[in-house]
């Protein structure tokens, strides 16, 4: 299991651009990250692994059920919308209620970003798997259809066959992205390039495993 000591939750705001010292435009994704609050600590003795449970973005009390409300009251915190676990080397180094802010990162450091890709509904093979289409002439009966499955003998579809189906809406991780700039007072991280998910989508930013 990888260690997520450097990790924070955020909301994808959208894309913009900044300029370097040479006047070159750099495309960046703006993420409103944190502050996240530590809800619970897990350790080897009681849970079999070291982790911290963190919450992000406060919500009204009437929007959480009684078990969740009790969980927040135990930590002496207001209800939070998003809850995730981060693996750490030693959970005892953290305190319940402690804040995790964007200043755990710095400009130039490499990160991995985890998000849920945009859901595109049911899609055909051309859109889903980049298949080539057939002739679009009037006489052609093959435009964007899947075509033969090459399974005449067994009379079944082989496992793993690329076919039309649900596209997007999956957990996606992009590794080795670079942080362009940080604004701690505004809880903003600017990441070079694009990251998974739609605007206002939840993302997790963590120290890159490649670094």
N, C-alpha and C. Protein backbone atom coordinates (compact mmCIF):
# COMPACT_ATOMS: atom_id res chain seq x y z
N UNK A 1 0.84 -1.20 0.00
CA UNK A 1 0.00 0.00 0.00
C UNK A 1 0.87 1.24 0.00
N UNK A 2 0.54 2.21 -0.83
CA UNK A 2 1.34 3.41 -0.90
C UNK A 2 1.03 4.34 0.27
N UNK A 3 1.95 5.21 0.57
CA UNK A 3 1.81 6.13 1.68
C UNK A 3 1.31 7.48 1.17
N UNK A 4 0.22 7.97 1.76
CA UNK A 4 -0.39 9.22 1.32
C UNK A 4 -0.17 10.32 2.35
N UNK A 5 1.00 10.35 2.98
CA UNK A 5 1.24 11.35 4.03
C UNK A 5 0.96 12.75 3.51
N UNK A 6 1.43 13.05 2.31
CA UNK A 6 1.15 14.33 1.68
C UNK A 6 -0.09 14.17 0.81
N UNK A 7 -1.25 14.52 1.34
CA UNK A 7 -2.48 14.37 0.57
C UNK A 7 -3.51 15.36 1.06
N UNK A 8 -4.36 15.80 0.14
CA UNK A 8 -5.41 16.77 0.49
C UNK A 8 -6.56 16.61 -0.50
N UNK A 9 -7.76 16.92 -0.03
CA UNK A 9 -8.94 16.88 -0.89
C UNK A 9 -9.23 18.28 -1.43
N UNK A 10 -9.80 18.33 -2.62
CA UNK A 10 -10.10 19.63 -3.21
C UNK A 10 -11.23 19.56 -4.21
N UNK A 11 -11.65 20.73 -4.66
CA UNK A 11 -12.70 20.86 -5.67
C UNK A 11 -12.09 21.50 -6.92
N UNK A 12 -12.29 20.85 -8.06
CA UNK A 12 -11.76 21.38 -9.32
C UNK A 12 -12.58 22.61 -9.73
N UNK A 13 -11.90 23.75 -9.84
CA UNK A 13 -12.57 24.99 -10.20
C UNK A 13 -12.66 25.14 -11.72
N UNK A 14 -11.59 24.81 -12.43
CA UNK A 14 -11.56 24.94 -13.88
C UNK A 14 -10.15 25.21 -14.35
N UNK A 15 -10.00 25.52 -15.64
CA UNK A 15 -8.68 25.75 -16.21
C UNK A 15 -8.43 27.23 -16.50
N UNK A 16 -7.15 27.60 -16.46
CA UNK A 16 -6.74 28.96 -16.77
C UNK A 16 -5.32 28.88 -17.33
N UNK A 17 -4.61 29.99 -17.33
CA UNK A 17 -3.21 29.97 -17.73
C UNK A 17 -2.43 31.02 -16.96
N UNK A 18 -1.15 30.73 -16.75
CA UNK A 18 -0.24 31.70 -16.14
C UNK A 18 0.95 31.87 -17.08
N UNK A 19 1.78 32.85 -16.82
CA UNK A 19 2.92 33.11 -17.68
C UNK A 19 4.22 32.98 -16.87
N UNK A 20 5.23 32.30 -17.47
CA UNK A 20 6.51 32.17 -16.79
C UNK A 20 7.36 33.42 -17.03
N UNK A 21 8.59 33.39 -16.55
CA UNK A 21 9.47 34.56 -16.65
C UNK A 21 9.81 34.93 -18.09
N UNK A 22 9.70 33.95 -19.00
CA UNK A 22 9.98 34.22 -20.42
C UNK A 22 8.73 34.65 -21.19
N UNK A 23 7.61 34.78 -20.48
CA UNK A 23 6.37 35.19 -21.14
C UNK A 23 5.63 34.05 -21.81
N UNK A 24 6.05 32.82 -21.55
CA UNK A 24 5.40 31.65 -22.15
C UNK A 24 4.15 31.28 -21.34
N UNK A 25 3.04 31.05 -22.05
CA UNK A 25 1.78 30.69 -21.39
C UNK A 25 1.81 29.23 -20.94
N UNK A 26 1.42 29.00 -19.70
CA UNK A 26 1.37 27.64 -19.14
C UNK A 26 -0.07 27.33 -18.76
N UNK A 27 -0.69 26.31 -19.38
CA UNK A 27 -2.06 25.95 -18.99
C UNK A 27 -2.07 25.30 -17.61
N UNK A 28 -2.99 25.73 -16.76
CA UNK A 28 -3.07 25.19 -15.39
C UNK A 28 -4.52 24.88 -15.03
N UNK A 29 -4.69 23.93 -14.12
CA UNK A 29 -6.00 23.65 -13.54
C UNK A 29 -6.02 24.22 -12.13
N UNK A 30 -7.05 24.96 -11.80
CA UNK A 30 -7.18 25.57 -10.47
C UNK A 30 -8.00 24.65 -9.58
N UNK A 31 -7.45 24.32 -8.41
CA UNK A 31 -8.13 23.45 -7.45
C UNK A 31 -8.23 24.19 -6.11
N UNK A 32 -9.45 24.25 -5.58
CA UNK A 32 -9.64 24.78 -4.23
C UNK A 32 -9.46 23.61 -3.27
N UNK A 33 -8.32 23.56 -2.61
CA UNK A 33 -7.95 22.38 -1.80
C UNK A 33 -7.93 22.72 -0.32
N UNK A 34 -8.68 21.93 0.46
CA UNK A 34 -8.69 22.11 1.90
C UNK A 34 -9.36 23.40 2.32
N UNK A 35 -9.25 23.74 3.62
CA UNK A 35 -8.59 22.92 4.64
C UNK A 35 -9.39 21.66 4.97
N UNK A 36 -8.66 20.54 5.12
CA UNK A 36 -9.28 19.28 5.55
C UNK A 36 -9.04 19.11 7.05
N UNK A 37 -9.97 18.44 7.72
CA UNK A 37 -9.83 18.23 9.17
C UNK A 37 -9.76 16.74 9.49
N UNK A 38 -8.87 16.39 10.41
CA UNK A 38 -8.69 14.99 10.80
C UNK A 38 -9.87 14.57 11.68
N UNK A 39 -10.60 13.54 11.22
CA UNK A 39 -11.77 13.04 11.95
C UNK A 39 -11.43 11.87 12.87
N UNK A 40 -10.52 11.02 12.41
CA UNK A 40 -10.25 9.78 13.14
C UNK A 40 -8.84 9.30 12.82
N UNK A 41 -8.22 8.63 13.79
CA UNK A 41 -6.91 8.02 13.58
C UNK A 41 -7.04 6.50 13.65
N UNK A 42 -6.35 5.82 12.75
CA UNK A 42 -6.36 4.35 12.75
C UNK A 42 -4.92 3.86 12.86
N UNK A 43 -4.71 2.86 13.70
CA UNK A 43 -3.34 2.37 13.88
C UNK A 43 -3.27 0.85 13.75
N UNK A 44 -2.06 0.35 13.76
CA UNK A 44 -1.79 -1.08 13.53
C UNK A 44 -2.46 -1.96 14.59
N UNK A 45 -2.45 -1.52 15.83
CA UNK A 45 -2.95 -2.34 16.93
C UNK A 45 -4.46 -2.58 16.83
N UNK A 46 -5.22 -1.55 16.52
CA UNK A 46 -6.69 -1.68 16.52
C UNK A 46 -7.29 -1.94 15.14
N UNK A 47 -6.64 -1.44 14.08
CA UNK A 47 -7.23 -1.53 12.75
C UNK A 47 -6.40 -2.33 11.75
N UNK A 48 -5.14 -2.62 12.10
CA UNK A 48 -4.29 -3.40 11.21
C UNK A 48 -3.52 -2.56 10.20
N UNK A 49 -3.68 -1.25 10.25
CA UNK A 49 -2.94 -0.36 9.35
C UNK A 49 -2.97 1.05 9.93
N UNK A 50 -2.06 1.89 9.45
CA UNK A 50 -2.00 3.27 9.90
C UNK A 50 -2.68 4.17 8.87
N UNK A 51 -3.65 4.97 9.31
CA UNK A 51 -4.35 5.88 8.41
C UNK A 51 -5.02 6.98 9.22
N UNK A 52 -5.34 8.06 8.55
CA UNK A 52 -6.16 9.12 9.15
C UNK A 52 -7.38 9.30 8.28
N UNK A 53 -8.51 9.51 8.93
CA UNK A 53 -9.75 9.80 8.20
C UNK A 53 -9.93 11.32 8.23
N UNK A 54 -10.10 11.91 7.06
CA UNK A 54 -10.22 13.37 6.98
C UNK A 54 -11.56 13.75 6.34
N UNK A 55 -12.04 14.93 6.72
CA UNK A 55 -13.27 15.46 6.16
C UNK A 55 -13.01 16.79 5.49
N UNK A 56 -13.86 17.12 4.54
CA UNK A 56 -13.67 18.33 3.73
C UNK A 56 -15.02 18.97 3.42
N UNK A 57 -15.13 20.27 3.61
CA UNK A 57 -16.29 21.10 3.31
C UNK A 57 -17.45 20.88 4.28
N UNK A 58 -17.73 21.89 5.07
CA UNK A 58 -18.80 21.81 6.05
C UNK A 58 -20.18 21.82 5.37
N UNK A 59 -21.13 21.09 5.99
CA UNK A 59 -22.52 21.08 5.52
C UNK A 59 -23.45 21.25 6.72
N UNK A 60 -24.72 21.50 6.45
CA UNK A 60 -25.69 21.68 7.53
C UNK A 60 -25.91 20.37 8.27
N UNK A 61 -26.22 20.49 9.56
CA UNK A 61 -26.42 19.29 10.40
C UNK A 61 -27.60 18.46 9.93
N UNK A 62 -28.63 19.11 9.39
CA UNK A 62 -29.83 18.36 8.98
C UNK A 62 -29.59 17.54 7.71
N UNK A 63 -28.40 17.64 7.12
CA UNK A 63 -28.10 16.87 5.91
C UNK A 63 -27.30 15.59 6.19
N UNK A 64 -27.06 15.28 7.47
CA UNK A 64 -26.35 14.04 7.82
C UNK A 64 -27.24 13.20 8.73
N UNK A 65 -27.10 11.89 8.63
CA UNK A 65 -27.92 11.00 9.47
C UNK A 65 -27.34 10.90 10.89
N UNK A 66 -28.06 10.21 11.78
CA UNK A 66 -27.65 10.17 13.19
C UNK A 66 -26.30 9.49 13.42
N UNK A 67 -26.02 8.34 12.77
CA UNK A 67 -24.69 7.73 12.98
C UNK A 67 -23.55 8.66 12.57
N UNK A 68 -23.71 9.35 11.42
CA UNK A 68 -22.67 10.27 10.97
C UNK A 68 -22.55 11.46 11.92
N UNK A 69 -23.70 11.93 12.41
CA UNK A 69 -23.69 13.06 13.34
C UNK A 69 -22.92 12.70 14.61
N UNK A 70 -23.13 11.47 15.09
CA UNK A 70 -22.40 11.01 16.28
C UNK A 70 -20.91 10.91 16.03
N UNK A 71 -20.56 10.51 14.81
CA UNK A 71 -19.14 10.40 14.44
C UNK A 71 -18.46 11.78 14.48
N UNK A 72 -19.15 12.79 13.98
CA UNK A 72 -18.60 14.15 13.99
C UNK A 72 -18.55 14.72 15.41
N UNK A 73 -19.59 14.42 16.21
CA UNK A 73 -19.62 14.91 17.59
C UNK A 73 -18.48 14.32 18.41
N UNK A 74 -18.17 13.06 18.16
CA UNK A 74 -17.06 12.40 18.87
C UNK A 74 -15.74 13.11 18.59
N UNK A 75 -15.59 13.60 17.35
CA UNK A 75 -14.37 14.32 16.99
C UNK A 75 -14.47 15.81 17.33
N UNK A 76 -15.65 16.21 17.86
CA UNK A 76 -15.89 17.62 18.22
C UNK A 76 -15.75 18.53 16.99
N UNK A 77 -16.32 18.07 15.87
CA UNK A 77 -16.26 18.82 14.62
C UNK A 77 -17.65 18.99 14.04
N UNK A 78 -17.82 20.03 13.22
CA UNK A 78 -19.07 20.22 12.50
C UNK A 78 -19.15 19.21 11.36
N UNK A 79 -20.38 18.85 10.91
CA UNK A 79 -20.51 17.87 9.83
C UNK A 79 -19.77 18.31 8.57
N UNK A 80 -19.13 17.33 7.90
CA UNK A 80 -18.35 17.58 6.69
C UNK A 80 -18.89 16.73 5.55
N UNK A 81 -18.87 17.28 4.35
CA UNK A 81 -19.50 16.63 3.20
C UNK A 81 -18.71 15.43 2.68
N UNK A 82 -17.40 15.58 2.51
CA UNK A 82 -16.59 14.54 1.90
C UNK A 82 -15.66 13.92 2.95
N UNK A 83 -15.63 12.60 3.01
CA UNK A 83 -14.77 11.90 3.97
C UNK A 83 -13.92 10.88 3.23
N UNK A 84 -12.60 10.92 3.47
CA UNK A 84 -11.67 9.98 2.84
C UNK A 84 -10.62 9.54 3.85
N UNK A 85 -9.97 8.43 3.54
CA UNK A 85 -8.86 7.96 4.37
C UNK A 85 -7.54 8.16 3.64
N UNK A 86 -6.53 8.63 4.37
CA UNK A 86 -5.18 8.75 3.83
C UNK A 86 -4.29 7.78 4.60
N UNK A 87 -3.54 6.96 3.88
CA UNK A 87 -2.57 6.08 4.52
C UNK A 87 -1.38 6.90 4.97
N UNK A 88 -0.94 6.68 6.21
CA UNK A 88 0.21 7.40 6.75
C UNK A 88 1.14 6.40 7.43
N UNK A 89 2.37 6.82 7.66
CA UNK A 89 3.34 5.94 8.31
C UNK A 89 3.03 5.77 9.79
N UNK A 90 2.56 6.84 10.43
CA UNK A 90 2.23 6.79 11.85
C UNK A 90 1.08 7.74 12.14
N UNK A 91 -0.10 7.18 12.42
CA UNK A 91 -1.29 8.01 12.66
C UNK A 91 -1.17 8.82 13.94
N UNK A 92 -0.34 8.36 14.90
CA UNK A 92 -0.23 9.07 16.18
C UNK A 92 0.45 10.43 16.03
N UNK A 93 1.05 10.69 14.87
CA UNK A 93 1.66 12.00 14.64
C UNK A 93 0.61 13.09 14.39
N UNK A 94 -0.64 12.67 14.19
CA UNK A 94 -1.73 13.61 13.92
C UNK A 94 -2.65 13.71 15.13
N UNK A 95 -3.39 14.80 15.21
CA UNK A 95 -4.37 15.01 16.26
C UNK A 95 -5.75 15.16 15.63
N UNK A 96 -6.78 14.60 16.28
CA UNK A 96 -8.15 14.76 15.81
C UNK A 96 -8.51 16.24 15.85
N UNK A 97 -9.05 16.74 14.75
CA UNK A 97 -9.37 18.16 14.64
C UNK A 97 -8.29 18.97 13.96
N UNK A 98 -7.13 18.35 13.75
CA UNK A 98 -6.01 19.06 13.09
C UNK A 98 -6.37 19.40 11.65
N UNK A 99 -5.93 20.55 11.18
CA UNK A 99 -6.19 20.98 9.81
C UNK A 99 -5.05 20.60 8.88
N UNK A 100 -5.40 20.16 7.68
CA UNK A 100 -4.42 19.90 6.63
C UNK A 100 -4.68 20.94 5.54
N UNK A 101 -3.67 21.75 5.26
CA UNK A 101 -3.84 22.86 4.33
C UNK A 101 -2.91 22.70 3.12
N UNK A 102 -3.08 23.58 2.14
CA UNK A 102 -2.32 23.48 0.89
C UNK A 102 -0.82 23.67 1.08
N UNK A 103 -0.42 24.26 2.22
CA UNK A 103 1.01 24.51 2.42
C UNK A 103 1.83 23.25 2.69
N UNK A 104 1.16 22.07 2.69
CA UNK A 104 1.94 20.82 2.77
C UNK A 104 2.67 20.56 1.44
N UNK A 105 2.24 21.27 0.38
CA UNK A 105 2.90 21.18 -0.92
C UNK A 105 3.64 22.48 -1.20
N UNK A 106 4.47 22.46 -2.22
CA UNK A 106 5.15 23.69 -2.65
C UNK A 106 5.25 23.70 -4.17
N UNK A 107 5.41 24.88 -4.73
CA UNK A 107 5.51 25.01 -6.18
C UNK A 107 6.69 24.21 -6.70
N UNK A 108 6.48 23.49 -7.81
CA UNK A 108 7.54 22.68 -8.39
C UNK A 108 7.51 21.23 -7.99
N UNK A 109 6.77 20.88 -6.93
CA UNK A 109 6.72 19.48 -6.49
C UNK A 109 5.78 18.68 -7.39
N UNK A 110 6.04 17.38 -7.46
CA UNK A 110 5.25 16.48 -8.31
C UNK A 110 4.13 15.84 -7.49
N UNK A 111 2.96 15.73 -8.10
CA UNK A 111 1.80 15.15 -7.42
C UNK A 111 1.05 14.19 -8.33
N UNK A 112 0.28 13.30 -7.70
CA UNK A 112 -0.68 12.47 -8.42
C UNK A 112 -2.08 12.97 -8.08
N UNK A 113 -2.94 13.06 -9.08
CA UNK A 113 -4.30 13.57 -8.86
C UNK A 113 -5.30 12.47 -9.18
N UNK A 114 -6.20 12.22 -8.22
CA UNK A 114 -7.24 11.19 -8.37
C UNK A 114 -8.59 11.88 -8.45
N UNK A 115 -9.36 11.53 -9.46
CA UNK A 115 -10.70 12.10 -9.61
C UNK A 115 -11.62 11.15 -10.34
N UNK A 116 -12.88 11.52 -10.45
CA UNK A 116 -13.86 10.71 -11.17
C UNK A 116 -14.07 11.34 -12.53
N UNK A 117 -13.78 10.58 -13.58
CA UNK A 117 -13.86 11.13 -14.94
C UNK A 117 -15.29 11.50 -15.30
N UNK A 118 -15.43 12.38 -16.28
CA UNK A 118 -16.75 12.82 -16.73
C UNK A 118 -17.55 11.64 -17.25
N UNK A 119 -18.77 11.49 -16.79
CA UNK A 119 -19.65 10.43 -17.29
C UNK A 119 -20.23 10.82 -18.64
N UNK A 120 -20.10 9.95 -19.63
CA UNK A 120 -20.59 10.26 -20.98
C UNK A 120 -21.72 9.34 -21.43
N UNK A 121 -22.22 8.52 -20.49
CA UNK A 121 -23.36 7.66 -20.82
C UNK A 121 -22.96 6.50 -21.71
N UNK A 122 -23.95 5.92 -22.40
CA UNK A 122 -23.71 4.78 -23.29
C UNK A 122 -23.07 5.28 -24.59
N UNK A 123 -21.95 4.69 -24.95
CA UNK A 123 -21.23 5.14 -26.14
C UNK A 123 -20.88 3.95 -27.03
N UNK A 124 -20.78 4.21 -28.33
CA UNK A 124 -20.42 3.17 -29.29
C UNK A 124 -18.91 2.94 -29.33
N UNK A 125 -18.52 1.98 -30.15
CA UNK A 125 -17.11 1.62 -30.23
C UNK A 125 -16.21 2.72 -30.78
N UNK A 126 -16.74 3.54 -31.70
CA UNK A 126 -15.95 4.61 -32.29
C UNK A 126 -15.56 5.63 -31.23
N UNK A 127 -16.50 6.02 -30.40
CA UNK A 127 -16.23 7.01 -29.35
C UNK A 127 -15.52 6.39 -28.15
N UNK A 128 -15.91 5.16 -27.80
CA UNK A 128 -15.40 4.53 -26.57
C UNK A 128 -14.00 3.96 -26.74
N UNK A 129 -13.72 3.37 -27.91
CA UNK A 129 -12.45 2.67 -28.12
C UNK A 129 -11.66 3.20 -29.31
N UNK A 130 -12.10 4.32 -29.90
CA UNK A 130 -11.42 4.92 -31.04
C UNK A 130 -11.38 4.00 -32.26
N UNK A 131 -12.43 3.20 -32.45
CA UNK A 131 -12.51 2.34 -33.63
C UNK A 131 -12.66 3.21 -34.89
N UNK A 132 -12.18 2.70 -36.00
CA UNK A 132 -12.39 3.37 -37.28
C UNK A 132 -13.80 3.05 -37.77
N UNK A 133 -14.44 4.01 -38.42
CA UNK A 133 -15.78 3.75 -38.94
C UNK A 133 -15.70 3.23 -40.36
N UNK A 134 -16.82 2.74 -40.86
CA UNK A 134 -16.89 2.27 -42.22
C UNK A 134 -17.28 3.39 -43.17
N UNK A 135 -17.52 3.04 -44.42
CA UNK A 135 -17.92 4.03 -45.42
C UNK A 135 -19.26 4.66 -45.03
N UNK A 136 -19.37 5.98 -45.28
CA UNK A 136 -20.61 6.68 -44.95
C UNK A 136 -21.52 6.83 -46.18
N UNK A 137 -21.17 6.15 -47.27
CA UNK A 137 -21.99 6.20 -48.48
C UNK A 137 -23.36 5.58 -48.26
N UNK A 138 -24.33 5.94 -49.11
CA UNK A 138 -25.70 5.46 -48.95
C UNK A 138 -25.81 3.95 -49.08
N UNK A 139 -24.96 3.35 -49.92
CA UNK A 139 -25.05 1.90 -50.13
C UNK A 139 -24.43 1.09 -49.01
N UNK A 140 -23.60 1.74 -48.21
CA UNK A 140 -22.93 1.01 -47.13
C UNK A 140 -23.90 0.72 -45.99
N UNK A 141 -23.87 -0.51 -45.51
CA UNK A 141 -24.69 -0.86 -44.35
C UNK A 141 -23.82 -0.90 -43.09
N UNK A 142 -22.59 -0.42 -43.23
CA UNK A 142 -21.66 -0.45 -42.10
C UNK A 142 -21.10 0.95 -41.90
N UNK A 143 -21.65 1.69 -40.95
CA UNK A 143 -21.17 3.04 -40.68
C UNK A 143 -20.36 3.09 -39.38
N UNK A 144 -21.06 2.93 -38.25
CA UNK A 144 -20.37 2.99 -36.96
C UNK A 144 -20.70 1.75 -36.10
N UNK A 145 -21.07 0.66 -36.77
CA UNK A 145 -21.43 -0.55 -36.02
C UNK A 145 -20.19 -1.30 -35.59
N UNK A 146 -20.30 -2.20 -34.59
CA UNK A 146 -19.14 -2.95 -34.11
C UNK A 146 -18.55 -3.91 -35.15
N UNK A 147 -19.38 -4.47 -36.01
CA UNK A 147 -18.86 -5.42 -36.99
C UNK A 147 -18.76 -6.83 -36.42
N UNK A 148 -18.08 -7.71 -37.13
CA UNK A 148 -17.98 -9.11 -36.72
C UNK A 148 -17.17 -9.24 -35.43
N UNK A 149 -17.61 -10.19 -34.57
CA UNK A 149 -16.90 -10.45 -33.31
C UNK A 149 -15.90 -11.58 -33.47
N UNK A 150 -15.81 -12.17 -34.64
CA UNK A 150 -14.84 -13.24 -34.92
C UNK A 150 -14.94 -14.38 -33.92
N UNK A 151 -16.18 -14.76 -33.58
CA UNK A 151 -16.37 -15.84 -32.60
C UNK A 151 -17.44 -16.81 -33.11
N UNK A 152 -17.30 -17.20 -34.38
CA UNK A 152 -18.32 -18.05 -35.00
C UNK A 152 -18.33 -19.45 -34.40
N UNK A 153 -17.13 -19.97 -34.11
CA UNK A 153 -17.04 -21.34 -33.59
C UNK A 153 -17.65 -21.51 -32.22
N UNK A 154 -17.15 -20.80 -31.21
CA UNK A 154 -17.70 -20.98 -29.86
C UNK A 154 -19.08 -20.37 -29.66
N UNK A 155 -19.52 -19.54 -30.60
CA UNK A 155 -20.85 -18.92 -30.52
C UNK A 155 -21.06 -18.16 -29.22
N UNK A 156 -20.06 -17.44 -28.83
CA UNK A 156 -20.17 -16.60 -27.63
C UNK A 156 -19.22 -15.41 -27.79
N UNK A 157 -19.37 -14.42 -26.94
CA UNK A 157 -18.49 -13.26 -26.96
C UNK A 157 -17.34 -13.50 -26.00
N UNK A 158 -16.12 -13.37 -26.50
CA UNK A 158 -14.94 -13.58 -25.64
C UNK A 158 -14.84 -12.48 -24.58
N UNK A 159 -14.36 -12.84 -23.40
CA UNK A 159 -14.17 -11.87 -22.32
C UNK A 159 -13.17 -10.81 -22.74
N UNK A 160 -13.45 -9.56 -22.35
CA UNK A 160 -12.53 -8.48 -22.66
C UNK A 160 -12.72 -7.85 -24.02
N UNK A 161 -13.72 -8.35 -24.77
CA UNK A 161 -13.97 -7.82 -26.10
C UNK A 161 -14.39 -6.34 -26.01
N UNK A 162 -13.79 -5.51 -26.85
CA UNK A 162 -14.13 -4.08 -26.86
C UNK A 162 -15.44 -3.88 -27.62
N UNK A 163 -16.47 -3.44 -26.90
CA UNK A 163 -17.80 -3.27 -27.47
C UNK A 163 -18.41 -1.97 -26.96
N UNK A 164 -19.54 -1.55 -27.53
CA UNK A 164 -20.22 -0.37 -26.97
C UNK A 164 -20.61 -0.60 -25.51
N UNK A 165 -20.69 0.48 -24.75
CA UNK A 165 -21.04 0.37 -23.34
C UNK A 165 -20.89 1.69 -22.62
N UNK A 166 -20.96 1.64 -21.31
CA UNK A 166 -20.90 2.85 -20.49
C UNK A 166 -19.50 3.46 -20.54
N UNK A 167 -19.44 4.75 -20.79
CA UNK A 167 -18.16 5.43 -20.92
C UNK A 167 -18.01 6.52 -19.86
N UNK A 168 -16.87 6.53 -19.19
CA UNK A 168 -16.59 7.56 -18.19
C UNK A 168 -17.19 7.23 -16.84
N UNK A 169 -17.14 8.21 -15.93
CA UNK A 169 -17.69 8.01 -14.58
C UNK A 169 -16.87 7.02 -13.77
N UNK A 170 -15.56 6.95 -14.03
CA UNK A 170 -14.70 5.99 -13.33
C UNK A 170 -13.58 6.72 -12.58
N UNK A 171 -13.04 6.07 -11.57
CA UNK A 171 -11.91 6.63 -10.83
C UNK A 171 -10.68 6.64 -11.75
N UNK A 172 -10.07 7.82 -11.89
CA UNK A 172 -8.91 7.97 -12.77
C UNK A 172 -7.78 8.64 -11.98
N UNK A 173 -6.57 8.12 -12.14
CA UNK A 173 -5.40 8.72 -11.50
C UNK A 173 -4.43 9.19 -12.58
N UNK A 174 -4.02 10.46 -12.50
CA UNK A 174 -3.00 11.00 -13.40
C UNK A 174 -1.75 11.26 -12.55
N UNK A 175 -0.63 10.63 -12.95
CA UNK A 175 0.58 10.70 -12.14
C UNK A 175 1.58 11.72 -12.67
N UNK A 176 2.42 12.19 -11.76
CA UNK A 176 3.57 13.01 -12.14
C UNK A 176 3.25 14.40 -12.63
N UNK A 177 2.14 14.99 -12.16
CA UNK A 177 1.82 16.37 -12.53
C UNK A 177 2.61 17.33 -11.65
N UNK A 178 2.86 18.51 -12.16
CA UNK A 178 3.67 19.49 -11.43
C UNK A 178 2.82 20.64 -10.91
N UNK A 179 3.08 21.01 -9.66
CA UNK A 179 2.38 22.16 -9.08
C UNK A 179 3.04 23.44 -9.60
N UNK A 180 2.25 24.29 -10.24
CA UNK A 180 2.79 25.53 -10.81
C UNK A 180 2.85 26.64 -9.77
N UNK A 181 1.80 26.73 -8.93
CA UNK A 181 1.75 27.82 -7.96
C UNK A 181 0.78 27.46 -6.84
N UNK A 182 1.01 28.05 -5.66
CA UNK A 182 0.13 27.83 -4.51
C UNK A 182 -0.25 29.17 -3.91
N UNK A 183 -1.53 29.30 -3.55
CA UNK A 183 -2.01 30.50 -2.85
C UNK A 183 -2.58 30.05 -1.50
N UNK A 184 -1.74 29.94 -0.46
CA UNK A 184 -2.20 29.41 0.84
C UNK A 184 -3.34 30.21 1.45
N UNK A 185 -3.30 31.54 1.29
CA UNK A 185 -4.33 32.39 1.91
C UNK A 185 -5.70 32.18 1.27
N UNK A 186 -5.73 31.65 0.04
CA UNK A 186 -6.99 31.41 -0.67
C UNK A 186 -7.28 29.92 -0.85
N UNK A 187 -6.43 29.06 -0.29
CA UNK A 187 -6.59 27.60 -0.38
C UNK A 187 -6.62 27.12 -1.83
N UNK A 188 -5.76 27.69 -2.67
CA UNK A 188 -5.75 27.34 -4.09
C UNK A 188 -4.43 26.68 -4.49
N UNK A 189 -4.54 25.65 -5.34
CA UNK A 189 -3.37 25.01 -5.95
C UNK A 189 -3.55 25.09 -7.45
N UNK A 190 -2.50 25.53 -8.15
CA UNK A 190 -2.51 25.57 -9.61
C UNK A 190 -1.62 24.44 -10.11
N UNK A 191 -2.21 23.51 -10.86
CA UNK A 191 -1.49 22.33 -11.34
C UNK A 191 -1.32 22.44 -12.85
N UNK A 192 -0.11 22.21 -13.33
CA UNK A 192 0.16 22.27 -14.77
C UNK A 192 -0.63 21.19 -15.51
N UNK A 193 -1.30 21.61 -16.59
CA UNK A 193 -2.04 20.64 -17.40
C UNK A 193 -3.44 20.38 -16.87
N UNK A 194 -4.04 19.30 -17.37
CA UNK A 194 -5.42 18.97 -17.00
C UNK A 194 -5.46 17.85 -15.97
N UNK A 195 -6.57 17.76 -15.24
CA UNK A 195 -6.77 16.70 -14.25
C UNK A 195 -8.14 16.07 -14.49
N UNK A 196 -8.39 14.86 -13.96
CA UNK A 196 -9.66 14.18 -14.23
C UNK A 196 -10.85 14.90 -13.60
N UNK A 197 -12.03 14.68 -14.20
CA UNK A 197 -13.27 15.11 -13.60
C UNK A 197 -13.84 16.41 -14.15
N UNK A 198 -15.12 16.65 -13.86
CA UNK A 198 -15.79 17.88 -14.31
C UNK A 198 -15.50 19.03 -13.36
N UNK A 199 -15.91 20.23 -13.73
CA UNK A 199 -15.84 21.36 -12.81
C UNK A 199 -16.69 21.06 -11.58
N UNK A 200 -16.23 21.50 -10.44
CA UNK A 200 -16.85 21.28 -9.13
C UNK A 200 -16.74 19.82 -8.70
N UNK A 201 -15.96 19.02 -9.40
CA UNK A 201 -15.77 17.62 -9.03
C UNK A 201 -14.73 17.49 -7.91
N UNK A 202 -14.92 16.47 -7.08
CA UNK A 202 -13.98 16.21 -5.98
C UNK A 202 -12.72 15.53 -6.50
N UNK A 203 -11.56 16.00 -6.06
CA UNK A 203 -10.29 15.38 -6.44
C UNK A 203 -9.43 15.20 -5.19
N UNK A 204 -8.52 14.24 -5.27
CA UNK A 204 -7.53 14.05 -4.21
C UNK A 204 -6.15 14.30 -4.80
N UNK A 205 -5.41 15.18 -4.16
CA UNK A 205 -4.04 15.49 -4.59
C UNK A 205 -3.08 14.88 -3.58
N UNK A 206 -2.14 14.08 -4.05
CA UNK A 206 -1.19 13.43 -3.14
C UNK A 206 0.21 13.46 -3.74
N UNK A 207 1.21 13.34 -2.87
CA UNK A 207 2.59 13.30 -3.32
C UNK A 207 2.79 12.18 -4.31
N UNK A 208 3.50 12.46 -5.40
CA UNK A 208 3.64 11.49 -6.48
C UNK A 208 4.46 10.28 -6.06
N UNK A 209 3.96 9.09 -6.40
CA UNK A 209 4.68 7.86 -6.09
C UNK A 209 5.93 7.75 -6.97
N UNK A 210 5.90 8.39 -8.15
CA UNK A 210 7.05 8.35 -9.03
C UNK A 210 8.20 9.20 -8.47
N UNK A 211 7.83 10.30 -7.79
CA UNK A 211 8.86 11.16 -7.23
C UNK A 211 9.54 10.49 -6.05
